[in-house]
C-alpha cells in the first residue's frame, strides 16, 4: 500500500465547491479536507502502487478548477 498526500493550491475562484464535490467521488481518496492558508484542499490517497498514485494525481489535476498540486509520498519505516 502507498499513502500519498496531495495538496491542491490555487483553485480557480468560484470552483471550490465543485472541486470538493468531484474529489469526494474519487474512490482512492481516503480523506479530503478543505483547508485555509496557502493550500485549498488536503487530499489523503491510499493506493496499491506508485503508478496508481501517479494516475490518481493526474485525475485530480484534470478536475476543472484545479490549477496546482503538490504531492508527498509516505512510506512506513521498518521496525528496528
C-alpha atoms as a PDB file:
ATOM      1  CA  UNK A   1       0.000   0.000   0.000  1.00  0.00           C
ATOM      2  CA  UNK A   2       1.141   3.510  -0.816  1.00  0.00           C
ATOM      3  CA  UNK A   3      -0.135   6.558   1.021  1.00  0.00           C
ATOM      4  CA  UNK A   4       0.143   9.937  -0.635  1.00  0.00           C
ATOM      5  CA  UNK A   5      -0.811  13.408   0.456  1.00  0.00           C
ATOM      6  CA  UNK A   6      -1.767  15.807  -2.297  1.00  0.00           C
ATOM      7  CA  UNK A   7      -2.101  19.491  -1.545  1.00  0.00           C
ATOM      8  CA  UNK A   8      -4.319  21.349  -4.004  1.00  0.00           C
ATOM      9  CA  UNK A   9      -3.426  25.014  -4.426  1.00  0.00           C
ATOM     10  CA  UNK A  10      -4.817  27.953  -6.387  1.00  0.00           C
ATOM     11  CA  UNK A  11      -8.269  26.551  -7.121  1.00  0.00           C
ATOM     12  CA  UNK A  12      -9.991  28.909  -9.542  1.00  0.00           C
ATOM     13  CA  UNK A  13     -12.229  31.252  -7.512  1.00  0.00           C
ATOM     14  CA  UNK A  14     -15.816  30.039  -7.581  1.00  0.00           C
ATOM     15  CA  UNK A  15     -14.843  26.402  -8.257  1.00  0.00           C
ATOM     16  CA  UNK A  16     -14.146  25.377  -4.664  1.00  0.00           C
ATOM     17  CA  UNK A  17     -17.470  23.556  -4.153  1.00  0.00           C
ATOM     18  CA  UNK A  18     -17.394  21.743  -7.491  1.00  0.00           C
ATOM     19  CA  UNK A  19     -13.760  20.666  -6.947  1.00  0.00           C
ATOM     20  CA  UNK A  20     -14.639  19.380  -3.475  1.00  0.00           C
ATOM     21  CA  UNK A  21     -17.702  17.516  -4.737  1.00  0.00           C
ATOM     22  CA  UNK A  22     -15.735  15.933  -7.604  1.00  0.00           C
ATOM     23  CA  UNK A  23     -12.855  14.875  -5.367  1.00  0.00           C
ATOM     24  CA  UNK A  24     -15.303  13.282  -2.903  1.00  0.00           C
ATOM     25  CA  UNK A  25     -16.426  10.872  -5.629  1.00  0.00           C
ATOM     26  CA  UNK A  26     -12.919   9.517  -6.306  1.00  0.00           C
ATOM     27  CA  UNK A  27     -12.575   6.046  -4.830  1.00  0.00           C
ATOM     28  CA  UNK A  28      -8.853   6.202  -3.997  1.00  0.00           C
ATOM     29  CA  UNK A  29      -9.249   9.274  -1.811  1.00  0.00           C
ATOM     30  CA  UNK A  30      -9.238   8.167   1.827  1.00  0.00           C
ATOM     31  CA  UNK A  31      -9.717  11.637   3.344  1.00  0.00           C
ATOM     32  CA  UNK A  32     -10.450  15.093   1.961  1.00  0.00           C
ATOM     33  CA  UNK A  33     -10.236  18.396   3.805  1.00  0.00           C
ATOM     34  CA  UNK A  34     -10.930  21.970   2.741  1.00  0.00           C
ATOM     35  CA  UNK A  35      -8.144  23.936   4.408  1.00  0.00           C
ATOM     36  CA  UNK A  36      -7.287  27.595   4.787  1.00  0.00           C
ATOM     37  CA  UNK A  37      -3.965  29.251   4.104  1.00  0.00           C
ATOM     38  CA  UNK A  38      -1.552  28.517   1.287  1.00  0.00           C
ATOM     39  CA  UNK A  39      -3.495  25.466   0.063  1.00  0.00           C
ATOM     40  CA  UNK A  40      -7.191  24.939  -0.674  1.00  0.00           C
ATOM     41  CA  UNK A  41      -7.535  21.174  -0.168  1.00  0.00           C
ATOM     42  CA  UNK A  42      -5.613  18.417   1.570  1.00  0.00           C
ATOM     43  CA  UNK A  43      -6.198  15.038  -0.044  1.00  0.00           C
ATOM     44  CA  UNK A  44      -5.027  11.778   1.527  1.00  0.00           C
ATOM     45  CA  UNK A  45      -4.749   8.966  -1.001  1.00  0.00           C
ATOM     46  CA  UNK A  46      -4.414   5.240  -0.365  1.00  0.00           C
ATOM     47  CA  UNK A  47      -3.438   3.151  -3.387  1.00  0.00           C
ATOM     48  CA  UNK A  48      -1.745  -0.129  -4.291  1.00  0.00           C
ATOM     49  CA  UNK A  49       1.318   1.223  -6.111  1.00  0.00           C
ATOM     50  CA  UNK A  50       3.228   4.316  -7.198  1.00  0.00           C
ATOM     51  CA  UNK A  51       1.882   4.115 -10.771  1.00  0.00           C
ATOM     52  CA  UNK A  52      -1.677   4.130  -9.406  1.00  0.00           C
ATOM     53  CA  UNK A  53      -0.784   7.097  -7.191  1.00  0.00           C
ATOM     54  CA  UNK A  54       0.583   8.947 -10.206  1.00  0.00           C
ATOM     55  CA  UNK A  55      -2.570   8.193 -12.210  1.00  0.00           C
ATOM     56  CA  UNK A  56      -4.780   9.374  -9.351  1.00  0.00           C
ATOM     57  CA  UNK A  57      -2.861  12.638  -9.006  1.00  0.00           C
ATOM     58  CA  UNK A  58      -3.244  13.145 -12.761  1.00  0.00           C
ATOM     59  CA  UNK A  59      -7.010  12.662 -12.325  1.00  0.00           C
ATOM     60  CA  UNK A  60      -7.031  15.280  -9.557  1.00  0.00           C
ATOM     61  CA  UNK A  61      -5.117  17.706 -11.770  1.00  0.00           C
ATOM     62  CA  UNK A  62      -7.683  17.174 -14.536  1.00  0.00           C
ATOM     63  CA  UNK A  63     -10.575  18.352 -12.339  1.00  0.00           C
ATOM     64  CA  UNK A  64     -11.964  21.636 -13.647  1.00  0.00           C
ATOM     65  CA  UNK A  65     -10.795  24.454 -11.375  1.00  0.00           C
ATOM     66  CA  UNK A  66      -7.640  22.721 -10.107  1.00  0.00           C
ATOM     67  CA  UNK A  67      -4.535  24.618 -11.176  1.00  0.00           C
ATOM     68  CA  UNK A  68      -1.688  23.411  -8.944  1.00  0.00           C
ATOM     69  CA  UNK A  69      -0.947  20.326  -6.845  1.00  0.00           C
ATOM     70  CA  UNK A  70       1.933  19.188  -4.672  1.00  0.00           C
ATOM     71  CA  UNK A  71       2.181  15.517  -3.682  1.00  0.00           C
ATOM     72  CA  UNK A  72       4.164  13.855  -0.913  1.00  0.00           C
ATOM     73  CA  UNK A  73       4.534  10.071  -0.774  1.00  0.00           C
ATOM     74  CA  UNK A  74       4.693   8.345   2.604  1.00  0.00           C
ATOM     75  CA  UNK A  75       6.377   5.078   3.476  1.00  0.00           C
ATOM     76  CA  UNK A  76       6.478   3.111   6.678  1.00  0.00           C
ATOM     77  CA  UNK A  77       9.827   2.731   8.414  1.00  0.00           C
ATOM     78  CA  UNK A  78      10.798  -0.869   9.114  1.00  0.00           C
ATOM     79  CA  UNK A  79      10.978  -1.996  12.719  1.00  0.00           C
ATOM     80  CA  UNK A  80      14.488  -1.875  14.129  1.00  0.00           C
END
